[in-house]
Amino acid sequence: AQSGPQIIHLWEAGAPGFESRMDEPEQAQDWWVRNIHNPSITVFRPPVGKANGCALVVAPGGGFHALVFNSEGKDVAKFLNTLGVTVFVLKYRLPGEEHSPYTMANVREDAYRAMRLVRSRAIEFQIDPHRIGILGFSVGGAVVMMVAFDKGEGDPKAVDPVDRVNGRPDFEMLVYPGGAQAPKTIPADAPPAFLLCANDDEYGCDQVTTDLLREFRAARVSVEAHFLPQGKHGFNMGERSSFAAVRDWPQRMADWLGDRGFLKPSTVESPTTAPR
């Protein structure tokens, strides 16, 4: 049996235009991962018999110069797995790293590819192709915004079948989102949203969250928002905080997923019955 979670590279032959760098090793230490040249998703499955068909792509933060892979990826997956959610933690390329050849367009390409890859293999992962969300922490929030507000339509003529699949998430969750401004307008058909941050966020992510809330409401898109009085930036899953509201915030996310019907078990064979 395979030890540890499954890692799937977004492109078998490496990232388009950067194939020659696919074998360069990643660097990882303590809380961060860097030097990502062969972007991937790491699959964390719920315990046997617990999966309900819901799936999430998770985009960790790290200021685009590193990825907070453990506490904004692995730990998040551990929690979501207990809810029956299958989790795919995204390692996207980092434009902010020193001498990085990448741009935000490459990050967007990685995010869309991850969404498409997960949806294209829904039967294999035993997930519902209409209940695939995306969750971003900090600049991972910018990653969410890159894919949540476009139609996400695939290219029907694409050679690679994955690129023919729709890449838009069915729901979105942004936790102390930063790395980009909120769009001035959000489309009325945007996926339902969950927002959470602390009012004393030292990077101004509380303002981004406030702007997002206003735009979601203006577009009449279903949104739930939580502003914690204290907690600052980067409280991850809350376990290090002395504030109960910060420690318990993941439960707010769990409540939202349940209230919106995303945790209701559904068979993979009949995705048409899934809540929209």
Protein backbone atom coordinates (compact mmCIF):
# COMPACT_ATOMS: atom_id res chain seq x y z
CA ALA A 1 0.00 0.00 0.00
CA GLN A 2 1.09 3.54 -0.71
CA SER A 3 2.32 5.44 2.33
CA GLY A 4 1.11 8.98 2.84
CA PRO A 5 -1.30 11.01 0.72
CA GLN A 6 -1.32 10.70 -3.06
CA ILE A 7 0.43 13.49 -5.00
CA ILE A 8 -0.78 14.22 -8.53
CA HIS A 9 1.09 16.66 -10.75
CA LEU A 10 -1.17 19.04 -12.64
CA TRP A 11 0.53 18.22 -15.94
CA GLU A 12 2.18 14.87 -16.57
CA ALA A 13 4.92 16.44 -18.68
CA GLY A 14 5.38 19.52 -16.49
CA ALA A 15 3.84 23.00 -16.58
CA PRO A 16 3.29 24.32 -20.11
CA GLY A 17 6.30 26.35 -21.23
CA PHE A 18 8.33 25.25 -18.19
CA GLU A 19 8.58 21.52 -18.84
CA SER A 20 12.38 21.65 -18.54
CA ARG A 21 12.07 22.57 -14.85
CA MET A 22 9.68 19.83 -13.76
CA ASP A 23 12.38 17.73 -12.08
CA GLU A 24 13.83 20.54 -9.94
CA PRO A 25 13.27 19.54 -6.31
CA GLU A 26 11.00 21.51 -4.01
CA GLN A 27 12.47 23.00 -0.84
CA ALA A 28 10.57 22.46 2.40
CA GLN A 29 11.32 23.43 5.99
CA ASP A 30 9.23 23.77 9.15
CA TRP A 31 6.13 25.57 7.93
CA TRP A 32 6.97 26.41 4.31
CA VAL A 33 7.46 24.87 0.87
CA ARG A 34 9.25 26.74 -1.92
CA ASN A 35 10.77 26.21 -5.36
CA ILE A 36 7.62 24.76 -6.89
CA HIS A 37 8.25 24.13 -10.59
CA ASN A 38 5.98 21.10 -11.05
CA PRO A 39 2.65 22.21 -9.54
CA SER A 40 0.54 19.50 -7.94
CA ILE A 41 -2.41 18.54 -5.79
CA THR A 42 -2.00 16.37 -2.69
CA VAL A 43 -5.06 14.20 -2.08
CA PHE A 44 -6.39 13.78 1.46
CA ARG A 45 -9.31 11.37 1.63
CA PRO A 46 -11.86 11.04 4.46
CA PRO A 47 -11.85 7.86 6.58
CA VAL A 48 -13.38 4.84 4.84
CA GLY A 49 -17.15 5.08 4.76
CA LYS A 50 -17.15 8.75 5.76
CA ALA A 51 -16.89 10.46 2.35
CA ASN A 52 -20.05 12.28 1.26
CA GLY A 53 -19.02 13.36 -2.25
CA CYS A 54 -18.07 16.93 -1.34
CA ALA A 55 -14.59 18.06 -2.43
CA LEU A 56 -12.37 21.08 -1.83
CA VAL A 57 -9.27 22.41 -3.53
CA VAL A 58 -7.27 24.26 -0.84
CA ALA A 59 -4.90 27.10 -1.74
CA PRO A 60 -2.52 27.80 1.17
CA GLY A 61 -1.12 31.29 1.75
CA GLY A 62 2.50 32.40 1.94
CA GLY A 63 2.68 35.75 0.16
CA PHE A 64 3.42 34.13 -3.23
CA HIS A 65 7.02 33.53 -2.07
CA ALA A 66 6.34 30.35 -0.06
CA LEU A 67 3.44 28.01 0.70
CA VAL A 68 2.20 27.48 4.26
CA PHE A 69 1.61 23.86 3.32
CA ASN A 70 1.18 22.18 6.72
CA SER A 71 -0.97 24.58 8.74
CA GLU A 72 -2.95 25.99 5.77
CA GLY A 73 -3.06 22.73 3.83
CA LYS A 74 -2.49 19.47 5.65
CA ASP A 75 -4.16 20.56 8.92
CA VAL A 76 -7.11 21.98 6.98
CA ALA A 77 -7.51 18.67 5.15
CA LYS A 78 -7.43 16.75 8.44
CA PHE A 79 -10.36 18.82 9.75
CA LEU A 80 -12.37 18.71 6.51
CA ASN A 81 -11.84 14.95 6.19
CA THR A 82 -13.74 14.50 9.48
CA LEU A 83 -16.71 16.20 7.76
CA GLY A 84 -16.55 13.69 4.90
CA VAL A 85 -14.92 16.15 2.48
CA THR A 86 -12.21 14.94 0.07
CA VAL A 87 -9.43 17.55 0.00
CA PHE A 88 -6.87 18.46 -2.67
CA VAL A 89 -4.15 20.79 -1.38
CA LEU A 90 -2.74 22.81 -4.26
CA LYS A 91 0.95 23.56 -4.66
CA TYR A 92 0.91 26.47 -7.11
CA ARG A 93 3.88 28.28 -8.62
CA LEU A 94 5.25 31.29 -6.74
CA PRO A 95 5.75 34.58 -8.63
CA GLY A 96 7.06 36.32 -5.48
CA GLU A 97 10.07 34.07 -4.98
CA GLU A 98 13.49 35.50 -5.75
CA HIS A 99 14.38 35.05 -9.46
CA SER A 100 10.97 33.46 -10.10
CA PRO A 101 10.13 33.08 -13.80
CA TYR A 102 6.39 32.99 -12.98
CA THR A 103 3.60 35.54 -13.09
CA MET A 104 0.08 35.71 -11.65
CA ALA A 105 -1.12 34.28 -14.97
CA ASN A 106 0.76 31.08 -14.10
CA VAL A 107 -0.91 30.96 -10.67
CA ARG A 108 -4.30 31.31 -12.34
CA GLU A 109 -3.36 28.59 -14.82
CA ASP A 110 -2.46 26.27 -11.90
CA ALA A 111 -5.69 27.02 -10.03
CA TYR A 112 -7.90 26.39 -13.06
CA ARG A 113 -5.98 23.26 -13.94
CA ALA A 114 -6.42 21.92 -10.38
CA MET A 115 -10.19 22.53 -10.50
CA ARG A 116 -10.46 20.87 -13.92
CA LEU A 117 -8.28 17.94 -12.95
CA VAL A 118 -10.33 17.20 -9.84
CA ARG A 119 -13.63 17.50 -11.70
CA SER A 120 -12.40 15.39 -14.63
CA ARG A 121 -11.54 12.55 -12.24
CA ALA A 122 -14.68 12.80 -10.08
CA ILE A 123 -15.59 9.14 -10.51
CA GLU A 124 -12.09 7.98 -9.56
CA PHE A 125 -12.07 10.22 -6.45
CA GLN A 126 -15.71 9.28 -5.69
CA ILE A 127 -16.79 12.90 -5.53
CA ASP A 128 -19.75 14.82 -6.89
CA PRO A 129 -18.63 17.00 -9.85
CA HIS A 130 -21.19 19.62 -8.78
CA ARG A 131 -19.90 19.97 -5.20
CA ILE A 132 -16.29 20.93 -5.76
CA GLY A 133 -15.35 24.09 -3.87
CA ILE A 134 -12.19 26.11 -3.35
CA LEU A 135 -10.79 27.43 -0.05
CA GLY A 136 -8.01 30.01 0.13
CA PHE A 137 -6.00 31.39 3.05
CA SER A 138 -4.33 34.83 2.80
CA VAL A 139 -2.98 35.13 -0.79
CA GLY A 140 -4.79 31.84 -1.39
CA GLY A 141 -7.82 34.15 -1.35
CA ALA A 142 -6.42 35.85 -4.46
CA VAL A 143 -6.11 32.37 -6.01
CA VAL A 144 -9.81 31.75 -5.24
CA MET A 145 -10.76 35.08 -6.87
CA MET A 146 -8.85 34.09 -10.02
CA VAL A 147 -11.24 31.19 -10.70
CA ALA A 148 -14.50 31.98 -8.88
CA PHE A 149 -15.83 34.90 -10.93
CA ASP A 150 -15.23 33.75 -14.51
CA LYS A 151 -17.43 31.26 -16.34
CA GLY A 152 -14.54 28.79 -16.22
CA GLU A 153 -15.59 27.11 -19.43
CA GLY A 154 -13.20 24.56 -20.81
CA ASP A 155 -11.94 24.55 -24.38
CA PRO A 156 -13.99 21.92 -26.23
CA LYS A 157 -11.23 21.66 -28.87
CA ALA A 158 -8.39 21.14 -26.37
CA VAL A 159 -6.08 18.21 -27.08
CA ASP A 160 -5.85 17.45 -23.36
CA PRO A 161 -9.29 16.22 -22.17
CA VAL A 162 -8.76 17.88 -18.77
CA ASP A 163 -8.72 21.29 -20.47
CA ARG A 164 -12.21 20.65 -21.88
CA VAL A 165 -13.74 20.52 -18.38
CA ASN A 166 -15.31 23.50 -16.60
CA GLY A 167 -12.95 24.95 -13.98
CA ARG A 168 -15.34 27.08 -11.96
CA PRO A 169 -15.81 26.11 -8.30
CA ASP A 170 -19.32 25.32 -7.00
CA PHE A 171 -18.64 27.27 -3.80
CA GLU A 172 -15.84 29.42 -2.40
CA MET A 173 -14.37 30.07 1.03
CA LEU A 174 -11.88 32.86 1.76
CA VAL A 175 -10.10 33.08 5.12
CA TYR A 176 -8.23 36.36 5.80
CA PRO A 177 -8.00 36.81 2.01
CA GLY A 178 -5.27 39.03 0.58
CA GLY A 179 -2.89 39.29 -2.33
CA ALA A 180 -5.44 41.06 -4.53
CA GLN A 181 -8.20 43.63 -4.23
CA ALA A 182 -11.81 42.52 -4.27
CA PRO A 183 -13.29 42.90 -7.77
CA LYS A 184 -15.38 46.04 -8.26
CA THR A 185 -18.33 43.90 -9.32
CA ILE A 186 -19.09 40.25 -8.78
CA PRO A 187 -21.31 38.39 -11.28
CA ALA A 188 -24.79 37.44 -10.10
CA ASP A 189 -24.07 33.79 -10.84
CA ALA A 190 -20.91 33.66 -8.70
CA PRO A 191 -20.64 30.63 -6.41
CA PRO A 192 -21.93 31.02 -2.83
CA ALA A 193 -19.27 32.35 -0.48
CA PHE A 194 -17.99 32.02 3.08
CA LEU A 195 -15.71 34.81 4.38
CA LEU A 196 -13.77 35.04 7.63
CA CYS A 197 -11.07 37.31 9.03
CA ALA A 198 -10.04 39.27 12.12
CA ASN A 199 -10.73 43.01 12.40
CA ASP A 200 -7.14 43.61 13.53
CA ASP A 201 -5.56 41.94 10.48
CA GLU A 202 -2.23 43.74 10.10
CA TYR A 203 -2.16 43.25 6.32
CA GLY A 204 -5.50 44.89 5.62
CA CYS A 205 -7.20 41.62 4.69
CA ASP A 206 -10.16 42.76 6.79
CA GLN A 207 -10.68 45.52 4.21
CA VAL A 208 -10.52 43.03 1.33
CA THR A 209 -13.07 40.87 3.17
CA THR A 210 -15.34 43.88 3.78
CA ASP A 211 -15.16 44.84 0.10
CA LEU A 212 -15.93 41.26 -0.95
CA LEU A 213 -18.92 41.14 1.40
CA ARG A 214 -20.28 44.37 -0.06
CA GLU A 215 -19.87 43.13 -3.66
CA PHE A 216 -21.41 39.72 -2.94
CA ARG A 217 -24.41 41.46 -1.38
CA ALA A 218 -24.71 43.93 -4.26
CA ALA A 219 -24.75 40.97 -6.67
CA ARG A 220 -27.26 39.14 -4.42
CA VAL A 221 -24.94 36.16 -4.18
CA SER A 222 -25.40 33.98 -1.10
CA VAL A 223 -22.69 34.96 1.40
CA GLU A 224 -21.86 34.39 5.07
CA ALA A 225 -19.18 36.56 6.69
CA HIS A 226 -17.49 36.43 10.09
CA PHE A 227 -15.37 39.28 11.46
CA LEU A 228 -13.53 38.27 14.62
CA PRO A 229 -12.63 41.17 16.94
CA GLN A 230 -9.08 39.88 17.45
CA GLY A 231 -6.83 37.28 15.90
CA LYS A 232 -4.57 39.23 13.54
CA HIS A 233 -3.36 37.58 10.31
CA GLY A 234 -2.32 33.99 9.76
CA PHE A 235 -4.11 32.24 12.61
CA ASN A 236 -4.40 29.15 10.39
CA MET A 237 -6.89 26.66 11.88
CA GLY A 238 -6.92 28.58 15.17
CA GLU A 239 -5.22 26.02 17.41
CA ARG A 240 -2.51 28.41 18.67
CA SER A 241 -4.86 31.24 19.62
CA SER A 242 -5.89 32.24 23.15
CA PHE A 243 -9.26 33.43 21.78
CA ALA A 244 -12.12 30.92 21.72
CA ALA A 245 -13.63 32.57 18.62
CA VAL A 246 -10.37 32.03 16.71
CA ARG A 247 -9.88 28.48 18.02
CA ASP A 248 -13.42 27.54 17.01
CA TRP A 249 -13.62 29.28 13.65
CA PRO A 250 -13.35 26.01 11.64
CA GLN A 251 -16.70 25.02 13.12
CA ARG A 252 -18.25 28.12 11.49
CA MET A 253 -17.00 26.81 8.15
CA ALA A 254 -18.39 23.35 8.94
CA ASP A 255 -21.77 24.89 9.84
CA TRP A 256 -21.84 26.84 6.58
CA LEU A 257 -21.01 23.76 4.49
CA GLY A 258 -23.79 21.86 6.26
CA ASP A 259 -26.36 24.67 6.02
CA ARG A 260 -25.72 25.08 2.29
CA GLY A 261 -26.27 21.36 1.68
CA PHE A 262 -22.72 20.61 0.52
CA LEU A 263 -22.21 17.83 3.08
CA LYS A 264 -25.34 15.88 2.13
CA PRO A 265 -24.24 12.51 0.78
CA SER A 266 -24.98 11.99 -2.87
CA THR A 267 -24.08 9.23 -5.24
CA VAL A 268 -21.40 9.95 -7.78
CA GLU A 269 -23.47 8.15 -10.44
CA SER A 270 -26.23 10.77 -10.36
CA PRO A 271 -24.57 14.17 -9.97
CA THR A 272 -27.71 15.86 -11.30
CA THR A 273 -29.34 15.35 -7.90
CA ALA A 274 -26.67 17.38 -6.14
CA PRO A 275 -27.60 20.75 -4.61
CA ARG A 276 -26.63 23.76 -6.70
